[in-house]
Amino acid sequence: MPRPLGELEDAVMTRVWKWNRPVTVREVLEDLQQERSIAYTTVMTVLDNLHQKGWVRREAEGRAYRYEAVSTRAAYSAALMNEAWARSDNPAAALVAFFGMMSPQQREALRDAMRIVQPEVSAEAPPEVPTEVPSGPGEADDGTGR
């Protein structure tokens, strides 16, 4: 599981992901300077740290490097969500709470995503879903109709 990015790491990676091409320290610096005062060496250190952590690959170009993302922001977000869900002591309750926090647009995106992965699920035998949920211990339907 990836460690969540720090604030400056995220600001740098946001640009690398958004531009979706190899970038230089200078390009990232100039874009960041529109929002904050920051030194070239700070951006260079952050990109070097991101390289050491495996977030970006780099290729020498003259005396400098060009940096490129190793994976997408979507993959990073998915890994963070998966880790958070896996750490829950009640994953089903965590999902219900998460879905409850979603906006209508996010719920629609979830429905779209489920349509994409549904063919994989439907290739397997469909899971048995009870039509009634027992309300407590000993109240399960034993199939006798009593």
Protein backbone atom coordinates (compact mmCIF):
# COMPACT_ATOMS: atom_id res chain seq x y z
CA MET A 1 0.00 0.00 0.00
CA PRO A 2 1.33 3.40 -0.87
CA ARG A 3 1.86 5.84 1.94
CA PRO A 4 -0.39 8.87 1.37
CA LEU A 5 1.48 11.66 -0.35
CA GLY A 6 2.42 14.72 1.66
CA GLU A 7 1.00 18.10 0.68
CA LEU A 8 3.97 19.18 -1.47
CA GLU A 9 4.41 15.70 -2.93
CA ASP A 10 0.74 15.76 -3.93
CA ALA A 11 1.09 19.21 -5.50
CA VAL A 12 4.03 17.98 -7.58
CA MET A 13 2.40 14.66 -8.51
CA THR A 14 -0.81 16.47 -9.47
CA ARG A 15 1.13 18.29 -12.16
CA VAL A 16 2.97 15.18 -13.32
CA TRP A 17 -0.35 13.29 -13.58
CA LYS A 18 -2.19 16.18 -15.22
CA TRP A 19 0.46 16.83 -17.87
CA ASN A 20 0.84 13.07 -18.54
CA ARG A 21 4.30 13.44 -20.09
CA PRO A 22 7.90 13.62 -18.89
CA VAL A 23 8.45 16.90 -17.02
CA THR A 24 11.43 18.86 -15.79
CA VAL A 25 12.00 20.35 -12.36
CA ARG A 26 11.87 23.79 -13.99
CA GLU A 27 8.40 23.17 -15.49
CA VAL A 28 6.99 22.00 -12.16
CA LEU A 29 8.71 24.89 -10.34
CA GLU A 30 7.27 27.53 -12.67
CA ASP A 31 3.76 26.14 -12.32
CA LEU A 32 4.01 25.84 -8.53
CA GLN A 33 5.32 29.42 -8.27
CA GLN A 34 1.96 30.65 -9.55
CA GLU A 35 0.49 29.48 -6.21
CA ARG A 36 3.36 29.76 -3.73
CA SER A 37 6.91 30.87 -3.21
CA ILE A 38 9.13 27.82 -3.63
CA ALA A 39 12.78 27.19 -4.48
CA TYR A 40 14.12 25.16 -7.39
CA THR A 41 16.07 22.93 -4.99
CA THR A 42 12.90 22.17 -3.02
CA VAL A 43 11.09 20.94 -6.14
CA MET A 44 14.20 19.00 -7.19
CA THR A 45 14.36 17.32 -3.76
CA VAL A 46 10.65 16.44 -3.85
CA LEU A 47 10.96 14.89 -7.32
CA ASP A 48 14.07 13.00 -6.22
CA ASN A 49 12.20 11.70 -3.16
CA LEU A 50 9.24 10.67 -5.35
CA HIS A 51 11.71 8.83 -7.58
CA GLN A 52 13.25 7.04 -4.59
CA LYS A 53 9.76 6.05 -3.40
CA GLY A 54 8.86 4.66 -6.82
CA TRP A 55 6.22 7.24 -7.79
CA VAL A 56 8.14 8.57 -10.79
CA ARG A 57 10.80 7.28 -13.15
CA ARG A 58 13.42 9.61 -14.52
CA GLU A 59 15.59 9.84 -17.57
CA ALA A 60 18.69 11.99 -17.90
CA GLU A 61 18.50 14.81 -20.40
CA GLY A 62 21.75 16.73 -20.46
CA ARG A 63 22.56 17.74 -16.89
CA ALA A 64 18.94 17.44 -15.75
CA TYR A 65 16.27 14.78 -15.53
CA ARG A 66 12.80 14.38 -17.01
CA TYR A 67 10.34 12.76 -14.61
CA GLU A 68 7.31 10.68 -15.55
CA ALA A 69 4.61 9.09 -13.37
CA VAL A 70 4.88 5.34 -12.85
CA SER A 71 1.11 4.93 -12.37
CA THR A 72 -2.05 7.02 -12.62
CA ARG A 73 -3.74 9.14 -10.00
CA ALA A 74 -6.74 6.79 -10.29
CA ALA A 75 -4.53 3.81 -9.36
CA TYR A 76 -3.11 5.77 -6.40
CA SER A 77 -6.61 6.71 -5.19
CA ALA A 78 -7.83 3.13 -5.60
CA ALA A 79 -4.91 1.80 -3.57
CA LEU A 80 -5.63 4.28 -0.76
CA MET A 81 -9.34 3.36 -0.72
CA ASN A 82 -8.54 -0.35 -0.76
CA GLU A 83 -6.10 -0.02 2.13
CA ALA A 84 -8.55 2.01 4.20
CA TRP A 85 -11.32 -0.52 3.54
CA ALA A 86 -9.06 -3.47 4.33
CA ARG A 87 -8.10 -1.94 7.68
CA SER A 88 -11.71 -1.62 8.81
CA ASP A 89 -12.91 -3.99 11.51
CA ASN A 90 -16.28 -4.05 9.69
CA PRO A 91 -15.70 -3.66 5.93
CA ALA A 92 -19.42 -3.84 5.06
CA ALA A 93 -20.26 -1.04 7.50
CA ALA A 94 -17.34 1.00 6.15
CA LEU A 95 -18.69 0.64 2.61
CA VAL A 96 -22.20 1.63 3.70
CA ALA A 97 -20.81 4.71 5.46
CA PHE A 98 -18.65 5.56 2.44
CA PHE A 99 -21.57 5.20 0.01
CA GLY A 100 -23.64 7.41 2.33
CA MET A 101 -21.06 10.18 1.98
CA MET A 102 -21.15 10.09 -1.83
CA SER A 103 -22.73 12.82 -3.90
CA PRO A 104 -25.29 11.85 -6.56
CA GLN A 105 -22.56 12.31 -9.20
CA GLN A 106 -20.22 9.98 -7.30
CA ARG A 107 -22.97 7.37 -6.98
CA GLU A 108 -23.53 7.56 -10.74
CA ALA A 109 -19.78 7.11 -11.30
CA LEU A 110 -19.94 4.06 -9.02
CA ARG A 111 -22.84 2.64 -11.05
CA ASP A 112 -20.84 3.22 -14.24
CA ALA A 113 -17.82 1.48 -12.73
CA MET A 114 -19.95 -1.48 -11.65
CA ARG A 115 -21.26 -1.82 -15.20
CA ILE A 116 -17.66 -2.04 -16.40
CA VAL A 117 -16.65 -4.76 -13.92
CA GLN A 118 -20.02 -6.55 -14.01
CA PRO A 119 -19.12 -8.74 -17.03
CA GLU A 120 -16.31 -10.27 -14.94
CA VAL A 121 -18.69 -10.91 -12.07
CA SER A 122 -21.47 -12.33 -14.27
CA ALA A 123 -19.03 -14.82 -15.83
CA GLU A 124 -18.97 -16.56 -12.46
CA ALA A 125 -21.98 -18.24 -10.89
CA PRO A 126 -24.25 -15.53 -9.49
CA PRO A 127 -24.14 -15.27 -5.72
CA GLU A 128 -27.18 -16.41 -3.81
CA VAL A 129 -28.91 -13.39 -2.34
CA PRO A 130 -31.50 -13.98 0.38
CA THR A 131 -34.87 -12.41 -0.28
CA GLU A 132 -35.41 -11.85 3.44
CA VAL A 133 -32.80 -10.99 6.01
CA PRO A 134 -33.21 -12.62 9.43
CA SER A 135 -33.71 -10.04 12.15
CA GLY A 136 -31.77 -11.90 14.81
CA PRO A 137 -30.21 -15.18 15.91
CA GLY A 138 -32.50 -18.17 15.58
CA GLU A 139 -34.87 -16.40 13.23
CA ALA A 140 -33.37 -17.68 9.97
CA ASP A 141 -35.78 -19.33 7.53
CA ASP A 142 -35.22 -23.10 7.69
CA GLY A 143 -37.15 -23.62 4.45
CA THR A 144 -40.13 -25.30 6.14
CA GLY A 145 -42.39 -22.28 5.92
CA ARG A 146 -42.87 -22.27 9.70
